[in-house]
Amino acid sequence: MSEFSENYKNLKDQISDNDSKVIPYLIFGIVIGRIFEKIIRTKKRIFKKRR
């Protein structure tokens, strides 16, 4: 996890102040996308077992 925090800090330093406000939204979007993928995968497994 420390590697992630270092990369995040470097990225934030390289981007201007206006663009740095976008980074949390991008990370949040990635997290939501991963959760959505897991929900769809779980649904497919459940319905596949019922057949």
C-alpha atoms as a PDB file:
ATOM      1  CA  MET A   1       0.000   0.000   0.000  1.00  0.00           C
ATOM      2  CA  SER A   2       2.921   2.353   0.590  1.00  0.00           C
ATOM      3  CA  GLU A   3       3.856   2.060  -3.077  1.00  0.00           C
ATOM      4  CA  PHE A   4       0.373   3.265  -4.032  1.00  0.00           C
ATOM      5  CA  SER A   5       0.617   6.254  -1.698  1.00  0.00           C
ATOM      6  CA  GLU A   6       4.005   7.191  -3.130  1.00  0.00           C
ATOM      7  CA  ASN A   7       2.713   6.954  -6.701  1.00  0.00           C
ATOM      8  CA  TYR A   8      -0.373   8.969  -5.774  1.00  0.00           C
ATOM      9  CA  LYS A   9       1.763  11.678  -4.179  1.00  0.00           C
ATOM     10  CA  ASN A  10       4.063  11.850  -7.227  1.00  0.00           C
ATOM     11  CA  LEU A  11       1.100  12.035  -9.580  1.00  0.00           C
ATOM     12  CA  LYS A  12      -0.513  14.787  -7.537  1.00  0.00           C
ATOM     13  CA  ASP A  13       2.726  16.796  -7.520  1.00  0.00           C
ATOM     14  CA  GLN A  14       3.088  16.542 -11.306  1.00  0.00           C
ATOM     15  CA  ILE A  15      -0.451  17.655 -12.125  1.00  0.00           C
ATOM     16  CA  SER A  16      -1.521  21.277 -11.836  1.00  0.00           C
ATOM     17  CA  ASP A  17      -3.887  22.407  -9.053  1.00  0.00           C
ATOM     18  CA  ASN A  18      -6.941  22.424 -11.326  1.00  0.00           C
ATOM     19  CA  ASP A  19      -6.372  18.894 -12.549  1.00  0.00           C
ATOM     20  CA  SER A  20      -5.451  17.504  -9.128  1.00  0.00           C
ATOM     21  CA  LYS A  21      -9.089  17.788  -8.041  1.00  0.00           C
ATOM     22  CA  VAL A  22     -10.004  15.142 -10.626  1.00  0.00           C
ATOM     23  CA  ILE A  23      -7.743  12.400  -9.218  1.00  0.00           C
ATOM     24  CA  PRO A  24     -10.033  11.329  -6.323  1.00  0.00           C
ATOM     25  CA  TYR A  25     -12.938  10.990  -8.758  1.00  0.00           C
ATOM     26  CA  LEU A  26     -10.844   8.800 -11.048  1.00  0.00           C
ATOM     27  CA  ILE A  27      -9.841   6.532  -8.160  1.00  0.00           C
ATOM     28  CA  PHE A  28     -13.446   6.398  -6.956  1.00  0.00           C
ATOM     29  CA  GLY A  29     -14.570   5.452 -10.468  1.00  0.00           C
ATOM     30  CA  ILE A  30     -12.057   2.611 -10.608  1.00  0.00           C
ATOM     31  CA  VAL A  31     -13.259   1.262  -7.247  1.00  0.00           C
ATOM     32  CA  ILE A  32     -16.919   1.449  -8.302  1.00  0.00           C
ATOM     33  CA  GLY A  33     -16.079  -0.295 -11.588  1.00  0.00           C
ATOM     34  CA  ARG A  34     -14.348  -3.165  -9.757  1.00  0.00           C
ATOM     35  CA  ILE A  35     -17.321  -3.596  -7.422  1.00  0.00           C
ATOM     36  CA  PHE A  36     -19.697  -3.593 -10.400  1.00  0.00           C
ATOM     37  CA  GLU A  37     -17.591  -6.265 -12.153  1.00  0.00           C
ATOM     38  CA  LYS A  38     -17.675  -8.478  -9.052  1.00  0.00           C
ATOM     39  CA  ILE A  39     -21.454  -8.142  -8.742  1.00  0.00           C
ATOM     40  CA  ILE A  40     -21.970  -9.150 -12.384  1.00  0.00           C
ATOM     41  CA  ARG A  41     -19.548 -12.076 -12.050  1.00  0.00           C
ATOM     42  CA  THR A  42     -21.351 -13.283  -8.911  1.00  0.00           C
ATOM     43  CA  LYS A  43     -24.744 -13.018 -10.622  1.00  0.00           C
ATOM     44  CA  LYS A  44     -23.488 -15.133 -13.529  1.00  0.00           C
ATOM     45  CA  ARG A  45     -22.158 -17.808 -11.154  1.00  0.00           C
ATOM     46  CA  ILE A  46     -25.416 -17.975  -9.182  1.00  0.00           C
ATOM     47  CA  PHE A  47     -27.635 -18.276 -12.257  1.00  0.00           C
ATOM     48  CA  LYS A  48     -25.245 -20.725 -13.914  1.00  0.00           C
ATOM     49  CA  LYS A  49     -25.526 -23.101 -10.916  1.00  0.00           C
ATOM     50  CA  ARG A  50     -29.337 -23.052 -11.046  1.00  0.00           C
ATOM     51  CA  ARG A  51     -29.451 -24.376 -14.611  1.00  0.00           C
END
